[in-house]
Amino acid sequence: LDKLQGLGRVETTRYRPQLIPFLERRWFIRELIWGHCGQKILDLRNTHIEELEMNDSAVEEIYLPQGIWSLTLKGKLSPNLRIYSHNEGYSLVLKVELQDDYLPDVGLQKLKSLVLRKIKDLDLSNILCRFPNLIWLGMTGYPGNISNISSVKQLKDLETLTIDDLFGFSAADFPSPSDLPNLQKLWLQSIPADAGKAIKRIYKNRIQDLSVCKLRSDEWLQE
């Protein structure tokens, strides 16, 4: 692989002991896709990886390099998974494709950006209590139901909130503008019609960037 001087992305589904040392000496390789390699520890501290995608239930410890900005977790995750970052996730975007609505306590207490995908039936409070410093929260259903959406009001620094294909809440459950004083962007798509209409009315002229569209009736959701 040393002959491939322009190589910038590596994908592996089999563990090779030479791979991490190879990544450490190659400055141009910025993206790694790690799948089902069966190793408990993934130590990338001395690599130059900026984007990491992992789908491996065996991994229990991930050590991230300083330059990384994007981490995507897919598939079944180990309940023991912990992620170590030099700044506790402050400069990281964590994207999670949930399986069975499960995300272990991975650490990253200073995480600022979190994206949750493939939500089916999620209690939001169980996750948000671990990430009190979020400024960006994105959530997408499969479609799915979400409970305790009011727990978003704990995120006093939140600036961006996007919700797509999620149901099971009313306007009364949704945080008010006074609950989220720093919110600048609110994008809601494919949510309960009654809730969406009321939220749009409440937030109109109270926020910089507001989009509420594709509101769904109960009949649509049943179909």
C-alpha atoms as a PDB file:
ATOM      1  CA  LEU A   1       0.000   0.000   0.000  1.00  0.00           C
ATOM      2  CA  ASP A   2       3.005   2.316   0.303  1.00  0.00           C
ATOM      3  CA  LYS A   3       2.903   2.556  -3.503  1.00  0.00           C
ATOM      4  CA  LEU A   4      -0.493   4.333  -3.270  1.00  0.00           C
ATOM      5  CA  GLN A   5       0.762   7.808  -2.450  1.00  0.00           C
ATOM      6  CA  GLY A   6      -2.670   9.429  -2.907  1.00  0.00           C
ATOM      7  CA  LEU A   7      -4.496   6.999  -0.616  1.00  0.00           C
ATOM      8  CA  GLY A   8      -6.829   8.897   1.697  1.00  0.00           C
ATOM      9  CA  ARG A   9      -9.429   6.357   2.860  1.00  0.00           C
ATOM     10  CA  VAL A  10      -9.067   2.841   4.264  1.00  0.00           C
ATOM     11  CA  GLU A  11     -11.809   0.295   4.932  1.00  0.00           C
ATOM     12  CA  THR A  12     -11.124  -2.965   6.752  1.00  0.00           C
ATOM     13  CA  THR A  13     -13.206  -5.874   8.028  1.00  0.00           C
ATOM     14  CA  ARG A  14     -10.255  -7.972   9.168  1.00  0.00           C
ATOM     15  CA  TYR A  15      -7.658  -7.189  11.795  1.00  0.00           C
ATOM     16  CA  ARG A  16      -4.100  -6.830  10.558  1.00  0.00           C
ATOM     17  CA  PRO A  17      -1.410  -5.813  13.084  1.00  0.00           C
ATOM     18  CA  GLN A  18       0.425  -3.805  10.413  1.00  0.00           C
ATOM     19  CA  LEU A  19      -2.541  -1.513   9.731  1.00  0.00           C
ATOM     20  CA  ILE A  20      -2.322   0.970  12.631  1.00  0.00           C
ATOM     21  CA  PRO A  21       1.470   1.520  12.208  1.00  0.00           C
ATOM     22  CA  PHE A  22       0.798   2.048   8.493  1.00  0.00           C
ATOM     23  CA  LEU A  23      -1.847   4.693   9.288  1.00  0.00           C
ATOM     24  CA  GLU A  24       0.518   6.405  11.708  1.00  0.00           C
ATOM     25  CA  ARG A  25       3.118   7.101   9.028  1.00  0.00           C
ATOM     26  CA  ARG A  26       0.697   8.146   6.290  1.00  0.00           C
ATOM     27  CA  TRP A  27      -0.332  11.800   6.646  1.00  0.00           C
ATOM     28  CA  PHE A  28      -2.849  11.791   3.795  1.00  0.00           C
ATOM     29  CA  ILE A  29      -5.043   8.973   5.117  1.00  0.00           C
ATOM     30  CA  ARG A  30      -7.827  10.886   6.868  1.00  0.00           C
ATOM     31  CA  GLU A  31     -10.746   8.426   6.818  1.00  0.00           C
ATOM     32  CA  LEU A  32     -11.009   4.946   8.379  1.00  0.00           C
ATOM     33  CA  ILE A  33     -13.948   2.519   8.228  1.00  0.00           C
ATOM     34  CA  TRP A  34     -13.496  -0.205  10.819  1.00  0.00           C
ATOM     35  CA  GLY A  35     -15.820  -3.200  10.670  1.00  0.00           C
ATOM     36  CA  HIS A  36     -15.979  -6.419  12.696  1.00  0.00           C
ATOM     37  CA  CYS A  37     -12.250  -6.823  13.263  1.00  0.00           C
ATOM     38  CA  GLY A  38     -12.763  -8.413  16.669  1.00  0.00           C
ATOM     39  CA  GLN A  39     -10.298  -6.264  18.637  1.00  0.00           C
ATOM     40  CA  LYS A  40     -11.133  -4.864  22.084  1.00  0.00           C
ATOM     41  CA  ILE A  41      -8.909  -1.791  21.748  1.00  0.00           C
ATOM     42  CA  LEU A  42      -8.746   0.595  18.799  1.00  0.00           C
ATOM     43  CA  ASP A  43      -5.867   3.012  19.410  1.00  0.00           C
ATOM     44  CA  LEU A  44      -5.632   5.735  16.771  1.00  0.00           C
ATOM     45  CA  ARG A  45      -3.893   8.401  18.866  1.00  0.00           C
ATOM     46  CA  ASN A  46      -0.830   8.620  16.650  1.00  0.00           C
ATOM     47  CA  THR A  47      -2.690   8.509  13.333  1.00  0.00           C
ATOM     48  CA  HIS A  48      -3.944  11.422  11.238  1.00  0.00           C
ATOM     49  CA  ILE A  49      -7.517  10.169  10.939  1.00  0.00           C
ATOM     50  CA  GLU A  50     -10.179  12.894  10.804  1.00  0.00           C
ATOM     51  CA  GLU A  51     -13.233  10.708  10.144  1.00  0.00           C
ATOM     52  CA  LEU A  52     -13.846   7.310  11.756  1.00  0.00           C
ATOM     53  CA  GLU A  53     -16.745   4.943  11.155  1.00  0.00           C
ATOM     54  CA  MET A  54     -16.931   1.870  13.400  1.00  0.00           C
ATOM     55  CA  ASN A  55     -19.181  -1.196  13.248  1.00  0.00           C
ATOM     56  CA  ASP A  56     -17.653  -3.687  15.666  1.00  0.00           C
ATOM     57  CA  SER A  57     -19.341  -5.004  18.819  1.00  0.00           C
ATOM     58  CA  ALA A  58     -16.013  -6.325  20.139  1.00  0.00           C
ATOM     59  CA  VAL A  59     -14.452  -2.876  20.591  1.00  0.00           C
ATOM     60  CA  GLU A  60     -14.497  -1.690  24.220  1.00  0.00           C
ATOM     61  CA  GLU A  61     -11.990   1.177  24.058  1.00  0.00           C
ATOM     62  CA  ILE A  62     -11.422   3.752  21.329  1.00  0.00           C
ATOM     63  CA  TYR A  63      -8.536   6.222  21.614  1.00  0.00           C
ATOM     64  CA  LEU A  64      -9.008   9.097  19.194  1.00  0.00           C
ATOM     65  CA  PRO A  65      -6.353  11.267  17.511  1.00  0.00           C
ATOM     66  CA  GLN A  66      -6.351  15.013  18.170  1.00  0.00           C
ATOM     67  CA  GLY A  67      -7.318  15.954  14.620  1.00  0.00           C
ATOM     68  CA  ILE A  68     -10.504  13.890  14.411  1.00  0.00           C
ATOM     69  CA  TRP A  69     -13.804  15.738  13.972  1.00  0.00           C
ATOM     70  CA  SER A  70     -16.302  12.995  13.026  1.00  0.00           C
ATOM     71  CA  LEU A  71     -17.048   9.641  14.682  1.00  0.00           C
ATOM     72  CA  THR A  72     -19.853   7.389  13.422  1.00  0.00           C
ATOM     73  CA  LEU A  73     -20.977   4.340  15.411  1.00  0.00           C
ATOM     74  CA  LYS A  74     -23.035   1.657  13.676  1.00  0.00           C
ATOM     75  CA  GLY A  75     -24.524  -1.701  14.550  1.00  0.00           C
ATOM     76  CA  LYS A  76     -24.403  -3.439  17.900  1.00  0.00           C
ATOM     77  CA  LEU A  77     -22.168  -1.715  20.446  1.00  0.00           C
ATOM     78  CA  SER A  78     -20.403  -3.249  23.414  1.00  0.00           C
ATOM     79  CA  PRO A  79     -22.015  -2.216  26.731  1.00  0.00           C
ATOM     80  CA  ASN A  80     -18.470  -1.553  27.945  1.00  0.00           C
ATOM     81  CA  LEU A  81     -17.593   0.841  25.140  1.00  0.00           C
ATOM     82  CA  ARG A  82     -15.649   3.925  26.201  1.00  0.00           C
ATOM     83  CA  ILE A  83     -14.282   6.611  23.923  1.00  0.00           C
ATOM     84  CA  TYR A  84     -11.216   8.620  24.929  1.00  0.00           C
ATOM     85  CA  SER A  85     -10.552  12.036  23.414  1.00  0.00           C
ATOM     86  CA  HIS A  86      -7.921  14.586  24.385  1.00  0.00           C
ATOM     87  CA  ASN A  87     -10.670  17.167  24.964  1.00  0.00           C
ATOM     88  CA  GLU A  88     -13.474  14.809  26.080  1.00  0.00           C
ATOM     89  CA  GLY A  89     -15.249  15.203  22.747  1.00  0.00           C
ATOM     90  CA  TYR A  90     -15.396  19.005  22.682  1.00  0.00           C
ATOM     91  CA  SER A  91     -14.471  19.272  18.970  1.00  0.00           C
ATOM     92  CA  LEU A  92     -16.158  16.022  17.894  1.00  0.00           C
ATOM     93  CA  VAL A  93     -19.380  15.283  15.993  1.00  0.00           C
ATOM     94  CA  LEU A  94     -20.737  11.952  17.265  1.00  0.00           C
ATOM     95  CA  LYS A  95     -23.161  10.204  14.894  1.00  0.00           C
ATOM     96  CA  VAL A  96     -24.892   7.044  16.085  1.00  0.00           C
ATOM     97  CA  GLU A  97     -27.007   4.660  14.016  1.00  0.00           C
ATOM     98  CA  LEU A  98     -28.869   3.126  16.916  1.00  0.00           C
ATOM     99  CA  GLN A  99     -29.544  -0.586  17.190  1.00  0.00           C
ATOM    100  CA  ASP A 100     -32.404  -1.415  19.556  1.00  0.00           C
ATOM    101  CA  ASP A 101     -32.316   2.245  20.667  1.00  0.00           C
ATOM    102  CA  TYR A 102     -29.187   1.523  22.693  1.00  0.00           C
ATOM    103  CA  LEU A 103     -26.200   3.765  23.295  1.00  0.00           C
ATOM    104  CA  PRO A 104     -23.839   2.861  26.162  1.00  0.00           C
ATOM    105  CA  ASP A 105     -22.274   5.526  28.352  1.00  0.00           C
ATOM    106  CA  VAL A 106     -19.237   6.158  26.170  1.00  0.00           C
ATOM    107  CA  GLY A 107     -17.882   9.151  28.109  1.00  0.00           C
ATOM    108  CA  LEU A 108     -17.196  12.359  26.107  1.00  0.00           C
ATOM    109  CA  GLN A 109     -18.608  14.649  28.789  1.00  0.00           C
ATOM    110  CA  LYS A 110     -17.794  17.800  26.791  1.00  0.00           C
ATOM    111  CA  LEU A 111     -19.377  16.628  23.537  1.00  0.00           C
ATOM    112  CA  LYS A 112     -20.945  19.504  21.577  1.00  0.00           C
ATOM    113  CA  SER A 113     -22.594  17.759  18.604  1.00  0.00           C
ATOM    114  CA  LEU A 114     -24.717  14.589  18.627  1.00  0.00           C
ATOM    115  CA  VAL A 115     -26.715  12.975  15.812  1.00  0.00           C
ATOM    116  CA  LEU A 116     -28.988  10.001  16.573  1.00  0.00           C
ATOM    117  CA  ARG A 117     -30.327   7.981  13.639  1.00  0.00           C
ATOM    118  CA  LYS A 118     -32.659   4.978  13.176  1.00  0.00           C
ATOM    119  CA  ILE A 119     -34.619   5.756  16.335  1.00  0.00           C
ATOM    120  CA  LYS A 120     -37.482   3.300  16.906  1.00  0.00           C
ATOM    121  CA  ASP A 121     -38.660   3.861  20.490  1.00  0.00           C
ATOM    122  CA  LEU A 122     -36.263   5.990  22.518  1.00  0.00           C
ATOM    123  CA  ASP A 123     -36.359   7.554  25.977  1.00  0.00           C
ATOM    124  CA  LEU A 124     -34.376  10.689  25.257  1.00  0.00           C
ATOM    125  CA  SER A 125     -33.644  11.552  28.891  1.00  0.00           C
ATOM    126  CA  ASN A 126     -31.432   8.466  29.264  1.00  0.00           C
ATOM    127  CA  ILE A 127     -29.026   9.837  26.660  1.00  0.00           C
ATOM    128  CA  LEU A 128     -29.130  13.612  27.114  1.00  0.00           C
ATOM    129  CA  CYS A 129     -28.173  13.412  30.792  1.00  0.00           C
ATOM    130  CA  ARG A 130     -24.747  12.165  29.634  1.00  0.00           C
ATOM    131  CA  PHE A 131     -24.134  15.087  27.259  1.00  0.00           C
ATOM    132  CA  PRO A 132     -25.120  18.292  29.091  1.00  0.00           C
ATOM    133  CA  ASN A 133     -22.995  20.586  26.892  1.00  0.00           C
ATOM    134  CA  LEU A 134     -24.572  19.922  23.488  1.00  0.00           C
ATOM    135  CA  ILE A 135     -25.001  22.842  21.099  1.00  0.00           C
ATOM    136  CA  TRP A 136     -26.214  20.693  18.171  1.00  0.00           C
ATOM    137  CA  LEU A 137     -28.686  17.802  18.445  1.00  0.00           C
ATOM    138  CA  GLY A 138     -30.083  15.952  15.431  1.00  0.00           C
ATOM    139  CA  MET A 139     -32.561  13.057  15.655  1.00  0.00           C
ATOM    140  CA  THR A 140     -34.025  10.883  12.897  1.00  0.00           C
ATOM    141  CA  GLY A 141     -36.559   8.088  13.269  1.00  0.00           C
ATOM    142  CA  TYR A 142     -36.944   4.861  11.326  1.00  0.00           C
ATOM    143  CA  PRO A 143     -39.705   6.234  11.715  1.00  0.00           C
ATOM    144  CA  GLY A 144     -39.974   6.006  15.483  1.00  0.00           C
ATOM    145  CA  ASN A 145     -41.389   7.251  18.751  1.00  0.00           C
ATOM    146  CA  ILE A 146     -39.589   9.441  21.215  1.00  0.00           C
ATOM    147  CA  SER A 147     -40.457   9.929  24.869  1.00  0.00           C
ATOM    148  CA  ASN A 148     -39.357  12.594  27.350  1.00  0.00           C
ATOM    149  CA  ILE A 149     -38.632  15.098  24.595  1.00  0.00           C
ATOM    150  CA  SER A 150     -38.997  17.723  27.325  1.00  0.00           C
ATOM    151  CA  SER A 151     -35.537  16.673  28.546  1.00  0.00           C
ATOM    152  CA  VAL A 152     -34.100  18.781  25.695  1.00  0.00           C
ATOM    153  CA  LYS A 153     -34.698  21.811  27.928  1.00  0.00           C
ATOM    154  CA  GLN A 154     -31.713  20.639  30.013  1.00  0.00           C
ATOM    155  CA  LEU A 155     -29.459  21.714  27.142  1.00  0.00           C
ATOM    156  CA  LYS A 156     -29.222  25.406  27.921  1.00  0.00           C
ATOM    157  CA  ASP A 157     -26.426  25.960  25.363  1.00  0.00           C
ATOM    158  CA  LEU A 158     -28.314  24.267  22.503  1.00  0.00           C
ATOM    159  CA  GLU A 159     -28.147  26.254  19.243  1.00  0.00           C
ATOM    160  CA  THR A 160     -29.413  23.748  16.638  1.00  0.00           C
ATOM    161  CA  LEU A 161     -32.180  21.142  16.949  1.00  0.00           C
ATOM    162  CA  THR A 162     -33.361  18.986  14.032  1.00  0.00           C
ATOM    163  CA  ILE A 163     -36.023  16.262  14.223  1.00  0.00           C
ATOM    164  CA  ASP A 164     -37.184  14.025  11.373  1.00  0.00           C
ATOM    165  CA  ASP A 165     -39.662  11.115  11.252  1.00  0.00           C
ATOM    166  CA  LEU A 166     -40.317  11.067  14.997  1.00  0.00           C
ATOM    167  CA  PHE A 167     -43.641  10.793  16.826  1.00  0.00           C
ATOM    168  CA  GLY A 168     -45.144  10.127  20.242  1.00  0.00           C
ATOM    169  CA  PHE A 169     -45.043  13.700  21.588  1.00  0.00           C
ATOM    170  CA  SER A 170     -47.307  16.736  21.727  1.00  0.00           C
ATOM    171  CA  ALA A 171     -46.668  20.476  21.687  1.00  0.00           C
ATOM    172  CA  ALA A 172     -47.101  20.488  25.466  1.00  0.00           C
ATOM    173  CA  ASP A 173     -44.137  18.114  25.773  1.00  0.00           C
ATOM    174  CA  PHE A 174     -41.897  20.250  23.572  1.00  0.00           C
ATOM    175  CA  PRO A 175     -39.549  22.846  25.147  1.00  0.00           C
ATOM    176  CA  SER A 176     -40.643  26.464  24.815  1.00  0.00           C
ATOM    177  CA  PRO A 177     -38.402  29.266  23.456  1.00  0.00           C
ATOM    178  CA  SER A 178     -37.708  30.392  27.019  1.00  0.00           C
ATOM    179  CA  ASP A 179     -36.442  26.884  27.855  1.00  0.00           C
ATOM    180  CA  LEU A 180     -33.829  27.099  25.077  1.00  0.00           C
ATOM    181  CA  PRO A 181     -32.509  30.680  25.210  1.00  0.00           C
ATOM    182  CA  ASN A 182     -29.620  30.075  22.781  1.00  0.00           C
ATOM    183  CA  LEU A 183     -31.552  28.149  20.127  1.00  0.00           C
ATOM    184  CA  GLN A 184     -30.983  29.643  16.659  1.00  0.00           C
ATOM    185  CA  LYS A 185     -32.060  26.849  14.306  1.00  0.00           C
ATOM    186  CA  LEU A 186     -35.106  24.555  14.642  1.00  0.00           C
ATOM    187  CA  TRP A 187     -35.912  22.191  11.768  1.00  0.00           C
ATOM    188  CA  LEU A 188     -38.836  19.800  12.219  1.00  0.00           C
ATOM    189  CA  GLN A 189     -39.893  17.397   9.479  1.00  0.00           C
ATOM    190  CA  SER A 190     -42.395  14.525   9.469  1.00  0.00           C
ATOM    191  CA  ILE A 191     -43.689  14.924  13.035  1.00  0.00           C
ATOM    192  CA  PRO A 192     -47.252  14.828  14.483  1.00  0.00           C
ATOM    193  CA  ALA A 193     -49.406  17.417  12.717  1.00  0.00           C
ATOM    194  CA  ASP A 194     -51.015  18.917  15.823  1.00  0.00           C
ATOM    195  CA  ALA A 195     -47.682  19.234  17.592  1.00  0.00           C
ATOM    196  CA  GLY A 196     -45.988  20.727  14.538  1.00  0.00           C
ATOM    197  CA  LYS A 197     -48.635  23.394  13.983  1.00  0.00           C
ATOM    198  CA  ALA A 198     -48.532  24.498  17.622  1.00  0.00           C
ATOM    199  CA  ILE A 199     -44.712  24.507  17.794  1.00  0.00           C
ATOM    200  CA  LYS A 200     -44.519  26.572  14.607  1.00  0.00           C
ATOM    201  CA  ARG A 201     -46.925  29.108  16.069  1.00  0.00           C
ATOM    202  CA  ILE A 202     -45.008  29.310  19.360  1.00  0.00           C
ATOM    203  CA  TYR A 203     -41.585  29.719  17.740  1.00  0.00           C
ATOM    204  CA  LYS A 204     -42.587  32.028  14.895  1.00  0.00           C
ATOM    205  CA  ASN A 205     -40.614  35.292  15.055  1.00  0.00           C
ATOM    206  CA  ARG A 206     -38.786  33.948  18.107  1.00  0.00           C
ATOM    207  CA  ILE A 207     -35.976  32.141  16.319  1.00  0.00           C
ATOM    208  CA  GLN A 208     -33.512  32.903  13.527  1.00  0.00           C
ATOM    209  CA  ASP A 209     -33.998  29.767  11.392  1.00  0.00           C
ATOM    210  CA  LEU A 210     -37.320  27.901  11.656  1.00  0.00           C
ATOM    211  CA  SER A 211     -38.613  25.167   9.343  1.00  0.00           C
ATOM    212  CA  VAL A 212     -41.633  22.959  10.084  1.00  0.00           C
ATOM    213  CA  CYS A 213     -42.802  20.775   7.194  1.00  0.00           C
ATOM    214  CA  LYS A 214     -44.309  17.417   6.151  1.00  0.00           C
ATOM    215  CA  LEU A 215     -46.604  17.270   9.165  1.00  0.00           C
ATOM    216  CA  ARG A 216     -48.202  13.837   9.571  1.00  0.00           C
ATOM    217  CA  SER A 217     -51.714  12.877  10.601  1.00  0.00           C
ATOM    218  CA  ASP A 218     -52.543   9.850  12.750  1.00  0.00           C
ATOM    219  CA  GLU A 219     -53.968   8.164   9.653  1.00  0.00           C
ATOM    220  CA  TRP A 220     -50.711   8.678   7.737  1.00  0.00           C
ATOM    221  CA  LEU A 221     -48.685   7.165  10.563  1.00  0.00           C
ATOM    222  CA  GLN A 222     -50.976   4.138  10.832  1.00  0.00           C
ATOM    223  CA  GLU A 223     -50.523   3.487   7.111  1.00  0.00           C
END
